[in-house]
Amino acid sequence: MKLVPHKIVNKDGKPCIEVKIKDAKPKVFSPEKVNATILIKIKENVRHSLGRKSIKDAIVTVVAIAYGFDSKGGKKNILVFDLSGGT
């Protein structure tokens, strides 16, 4: 959380991102909303780059591996967000 430029807050037992835009009241976004917003923006950029009115099909791949983060067997929640270009 020290490396994230936004505040991470607990909303209904789920980690969410709190963002303050200019002088407006802070908004809280779920990881799903952030992911959906990024994918929509990527889709718009690709559509614009290809000069098409719409994009119907796309393939999105994400690889995430978490290991050894707790050797004592306790329960932990982790958040992985990987939107890299290589698999």
N, C-alpha and C. Protein backbone atom coordinates (compact mmCIF):
# COMPACT_ATOMS: atom_id res chain seq x y z
N MET A 1 0.81 -1.19 0.00
CA MET A 1 0.00 0.00 0.00
C MET A 1 0.86 1.26 0.00
N LYS A 2 2.11 1.12 0.43
CA LYS A 2 3.00 2.27 0.43
C LYS A 2 3.35 2.73 -0.98
N LEU A 3 3.28 1.83 -1.94
CA LEU A 3 3.65 2.15 -3.33
C LEU A 3 2.49 2.66 -4.17
N VAL A 4 1.27 2.56 -3.66
CA VAL A 4 0.09 2.98 -4.41
C VAL A 4 -0.13 4.47 -4.18
N PRO A 5 -0.34 5.24 -5.25
CA PRO A 5 -0.50 6.69 -5.07
C PRO A 5 -1.84 7.11 -4.48
N HIS A 6 -2.77 6.18 -4.32
CA HIS A 6 -4.08 6.50 -3.77
C HIS A 6 -4.27 5.76 -2.45
N LYS A 7 -5.22 6.22 -1.67
CA LYS A 7 -5.52 5.61 -0.38
C LYS A 7 -6.33 4.34 -0.57
N ILE A 8 -5.95 3.28 0.12
CA ILE A 8 -6.70 2.02 0.10
C ILE A 8 -7.59 2.01 1.34
N VAL A 9 -8.89 1.82 1.12
CA VAL A 9 -9.86 1.83 2.23
C VAL A 9 -10.66 0.53 2.24
N ASN A 10 -11.26 0.25 3.37
CA ASN A 10 -12.11 -0.93 3.52
C ASN A 10 -13.56 -0.51 3.28
N LYS A 11 -14.20 -1.11 2.30
CA LYS A 11 -15.61 -0.85 2.04
C LYS A 11 -16.34 -2.19 2.00
N ASP A 12 -17.18 -2.41 2.96
CA ASP A 12 -17.94 -3.66 3.07
C ASP A 12 -17.02 -4.88 3.09
N GLY A 13 -15.89 -4.77 3.78
CA GLY A 13 -14.96 -5.89 3.91
C GLY A 13 -14.09 -6.12 2.69
N LYS A 14 -14.09 -5.20 1.76
CA LYS A 14 -13.32 -5.33 0.52
C LYS A 14 -12.35 -4.15 0.38
N PRO A 15 -11.10 -4.40 -0.04
CA PRO A 15 -10.18 -3.28 -0.26
C PRO A 15 -10.62 -2.48 -1.50
N CYS A 16 -10.72 -1.18 -1.34
CA CYS A 16 -11.12 -0.30 -2.43
C CYS A 16 -10.16 0.89 -2.50
N ILE A 17 -10.19 1.59 -3.60
CA ILE A 17 -9.31 2.73 -3.81
C ILE A 17 -10.10 4.02 -3.64
N GLU A 18 -9.59 4.91 -2.80
CA GLU A 18 -10.22 6.20 -2.61
C GLU A 18 -9.43 7.24 -3.40
N VAL A 19 -10.13 7.97 -4.26
CA VAL A 19 -9.49 8.93 -5.15
C VAL A 19 -10.13 10.30 -4.94
N LYS A 20 -9.30 11.31 -4.78
CA LYS A 20 -9.80 12.68 -4.69
C LYS A 20 -9.38 13.40 -5.97
N ILE A 21 -10.38 13.87 -6.73
CA ILE A 21 -10.13 14.57 -7.98
C ILE A 21 -10.39 16.05 -7.77
N LYS A 22 -9.33 16.83 -7.89
CA LYS A 22 -9.38 18.29 -7.68
C LYS A 22 -10.01 18.60 -6.34
N ASP A 23 -11.01 19.47 -6.30
CA ASP A 23 -11.63 19.88 -5.05
C ASP A 23 -12.90 19.11 -4.72
N ALA A 24 -13.19 18.08 -5.50
CA ALA A 24 -14.41 17.30 -5.29
C ALA A 24 -14.26 16.36 -4.08
N LYS A 25 -15.39 15.88 -3.61
CA LYS A 25 -15.42 14.91 -2.52
C LYS A 25 -14.75 13.61 -2.99
N PRO A 26 -13.95 12.96 -2.14
CA PRO A 26 -13.29 11.71 -2.55
C PRO A 26 -14.30 10.64 -2.99
N LYS A 27 -13.93 9.87 -4.00
CA LYS A 27 -14.77 8.77 -4.49
C LYS A 27 -14.05 7.45 -4.20
N VAL A 28 -14.85 6.43 -3.92
CA VAL A 28 -14.30 5.11 -3.62
C VAL A 28 -14.67 4.16 -4.76
N PHE A 29 -13.65 3.46 -5.28
CA PHE A 29 -13.85 2.54 -6.40
C PHE A 29 -13.41 1.14 -5.99
N SER A 30 -14.23 0.15 -6.35
CA SER A 30 -13.87 -1.25 -6.11
C SER A 30 -12.83 -1.68 -7.14
N PRO A 31 -12.07 -2.74 -6.85
CA PRO A 31 -11.12 -3.25 -7.84
C PRO A 31 -11.80 -3.61 -9.17
N GLU A 32 -13.03 -4.15 -9.09
CA GLU A 32 -13.75 -4.51 -10.31
C GLU A 32 -14.06 -3.28 -11.16
N LYS A 33 -14.43 -2.18 -10.51
CA LYS A 33 -14.74 -0.95 -11.23
C LYS A 33 -13.49 -0.37 -11.88
N VAL A 34 -12.38 -0.41 -11.17
CA VAL A 34 -11.11 0.09 -11.73
C VAL A 34 -10.73 -0.75 -12.95
N ASN A 35 -10.82 -2.06 -12.82
CA ASN A 35 -10.50 -2.96 -13.92
C ASN A 35 -11.40 -2.72 -15.12
N ALA A 36 -12.70 -2.60 -14.89
CA ALA A 36 -13.67 -2.36 -15.97
C ALA A 36 -13.38 -1.04 -16.67
N THR A 37 -13.07 -0.01 -15.90
CA THR A 37 -12.77 1.30 -16.48
C THR A 37 -11.53 1.25 -17.35
N ILE A 38 -10.50 0.56 -16.89
CA ILE A 38 -9.27 0.42 -17.68
C ILE A 38 -9.54 -0.34 -18.96
N LEU A 39 -10.29 -1.44 -18.88
CA LEU A 39 -10.59 -2.24 -20.07
C LEU A 39 -11.44 -1.45 -21.07
N ILE A 40 -12.38 -0.66 -20.59
CA ILE A 40 -13.19 0.18 -21.49
C ILE A 40 -12.31 1.19 -22.20
N LYS A 41 -11.38 1.81 -21.48
CA LYS A 41 -10.48 2.79 -22.09
C LYS A 41 -9.57 2.13 -23.13
N ILE A 42 -9.07 0.95 -22.83
CA ILE A 42 -8.23 0.22 -23.79
C ILE A 42 -9.05 -0.09 -25.04
N LYS A 43 -10.28 -0.55 -24.86
CA LYS A 43 -11.16 -0.85 -25.99
C LYS A 43 -11.39 0.39 -26.85
N GLU A 44 -11.65 1.53 -26.22
CA GLU A 44 -11.85 2.78 -26.97
C GLU A 44 -10.60 3.17 -27.75
N ASN A 45 -9.43 3.02 -27.12
CA ASN A 45 -8.18 3.36 -27.80
C ASN A 45 -7.91 2.46 -28.99
N VAL A 46 -8.16 1.16 -28.83
CA VAL A 46 -7.97 0.22 -29.93
C VAL A 46 -8.95 0.51 -31.06
N ARG A 47 -10.20 0.74 -30.71
CA ARG A 47 -11.22 1.08 -31.72
C ARG A 47 -10.80 2.31 -32.51
N HIS A 48 -10.34 3.32 -31.81
CA HIS A 48 -9.91 4.56 -32.46
C HIS A 48 -8.68 4.32 -33.35
N SER A 49 -7.72 3.55 -32.84
CA SER A 49 -6.49 3.26 -33.60
C SER A 49 -6.78 2.48 -34.88
N LEU A 50 -7.76 1.57 -34.81
CA LEU A 50 -8.10 0.76 -35.98
C LEU A 50 -9.09 1.46 -36.90
N GLY A 51 -9.64 2.58 -36.45
CA GLY A 51 -10.60 3.32 -37.26
C GLY A 51 -11.93 2.59 -37.42
N ARG A 52 -12.33 1.86 -36.39
CA ARG A 52 -13.58 1.10 -36.44
C ARG A 52 -14.64 1.75 -35.58
N LYS A 53 -15.91 1.46 -35.92
CA LYS A 53 -17.02 1.99 -35.12
C LYS A 53 -17.20 1.20 -33.84
N SER A 54 -16.86 -0.08 -33.88
CA SER A 54 -17.02 -0.90 -32.68
C SER A 54 -16.03 -2.06 -32.70
N ILE A 55 -15.80 -2.60 -31.54
CA ILE A 55 -14.98 -3.80 -31.35
C ILE A 55 -15.88 -4.82 -30.65
N LYS A 56 -16.05 -5.98 -31.26
CA LYS A 56 -16.93 -6.99 -30.66
C LYS A 56 -16.17 -8.02 -29.83
N ASP A 57 -15.01 -8.46 -30.30
CA ASP A 57 -14.29 -9.53 -29.63
C ASP A 57 -12.89 -9.08 -29.23
N ALA A 58 -12.43 -9.58 -28.09
CA ALA A 58 -11.09 -9.29 -27.62
C ALA A 58 -10.63 -10.44 -26.73
N ILE A 59 -9.34 -10.61 -26.64
CA ILE A 59 -8.77 -11.60 -25.75
C ILE A 59 -7.88 -10.86 -24.76
N VAL A 60 -8.14 -11.07 -23.49
CA VAL A 60 -7.36 -10.44 -22.44
C VAL A 60 -6.73 -11.55 -21.62
N THR A 61 -5.41 -11.51 -21.45
CA THR A 61 -4.74 -12.52 -20.64
C THR A 61 -4.09 -11.85 -19.45
N VAL A 62 -4.21 -12.50 -18.32
CA VAL A 62 -3.59 -12.01 -17.09
C VAL A 62 -2.97 -13.21 -16.39
N VAL A 63 -1.72 -13.06 -15.98
CA VAL A 63 -1.03 -14.12 -15.23
C VAL A 63 -0.63 -13.55 -13.89
N ALA A 64 -1.05 -14.20 -12.82
CA ALA A 64 -0.69 -13.75 -11.48
C ALA A 64 -0.30 -14.95 -10.63
N ILE A 65 0.81 -14.83 -9.94
CA ILE A 65 1.28 -15.91 -9.08
C ILE A 65 1.63 -15.30 -7.72
N ALA A 66 1.07 -15.86 -6.67
CA ALA A 66 1.41 -15.44 -5.31
C ALA A 66 1.88 -16.66 -4.55
N TYR A 67 3.03 -16.56 -3.93
CA TYR A 67 3.55 -17.71 -3.19
C TYR A 67 4.40 -17.22 -2.02
N GLY A 68 4.44 -18.02 -0.97
CA GLY A 68 5.32 -17.76 0.15
C GLY A 68 5.06 -16.45 0.88
N PHE A 69 3.86 -15.91 0.80
CA PHE A 69 3.63 -14.64 1.48
C PHE A 69 3.30 -14.84 2.95
N ASP A 70 3.03 -16.07 3.37
CA ASP A 70 2.80 -16.33 4.78
C ASP A 70 3.19 -17.78 5.08
N SER A 71 4.36 -17.95 5.64
CA SER A 71 4.84 -19.30 5.89
C SER A 71 4.27 -19.91 7.17
N LYS A 72 3.53 -19.13 7.96
CA LYS A 72 2.97 -19.63 9.22
C LYS A 72 1.57 -20.20 9.05
N GLY A 73 1.04 -20.20 7.84
CA GLY A 73 -0.26 -20.80 7.60
C GLY A 73 -1.45 -19.94 7.96
N GLY A 74 -1.23 -18.68 8.30
CA GLY A 74 -2.34 -17.79 8.64
C GLY A 74 -3.08 -17.32 7.41
N LYS A 75 -4.25 -16.74 7.62
CA LYS A 75 -5.06 -16.25 6.52
C LYS A 75 -4.66 -14.82 6.18
N LYS A 76 -4.52 -14.55 4.86
CA LYS A 76 -4.20 -13.21 4.40
C LYS A 76 -4.99 -12.91 3.14
N ASN A 77 -5.32 -11.66 2.95
CA ASN A 77 -5.93 -11.21 1.71
C ASN A 77 -4.87 -10.49 0.90
N ILE A 78 -4.80 -10.81 -0.39
CA ILE A 78 -3.86 -10.12 -1.26
C ILE A 78 -4.63 -9.57 -2.45
N LEU A 79 -4.12 -8.49 -3.01
CA LEU A 79 -4.71 -7.89 -4.19
C LEU A 79 -3.66 -7.91 -5.28
N VAL A 80 -3.98 -8.54 -6.40
CA VAL A 80 -3.07 -8.61 -7.53
C VAL A 80 -3.74 -7.95 -8.71
N PHE A 81 -3.07 -6.97 -9.28
CA PHE A 81 -3.59 -6.30 -10.49
C PHE A 81 -2.46 -6.26 -11.49
N ASP A 82 -2.56 -7.06 -12.52
CA ASP A 82 -1.50 -7.17 -13.53
C ASP A 82 -2.12 -6.92 -14.89
N LEU A 83 -1.76 -5.83 -15.50
CA LEU A 83 -2.28 -5.51 -16.83
C LEU A 83 -1.09 -5.27 -17.76
N SER A 84 -0.17 -6.24 -17.73
CA SER A 84 1.05 -6.10 -18.53
C SER A 84 0.81 -6.60 -19.95
N GLY A 85 1.78 -6.35 -20.81
CA GLY A 85 1.63 -6.72 -22.21
C GLY A 85 2.17 -8.08 -22.55
N GLY A 86 2.96 -8.70 -21.70
CA GLY A 86 3.55 -9.98 -22.03
C GLY A 86 3.06 -11.10 -21.13
N THR A 87 2.99 -12.28 -21.68
CA THR A 87 2.56 -13.42 -20.90
C THR A 87 3.63 -14.49 -20.95
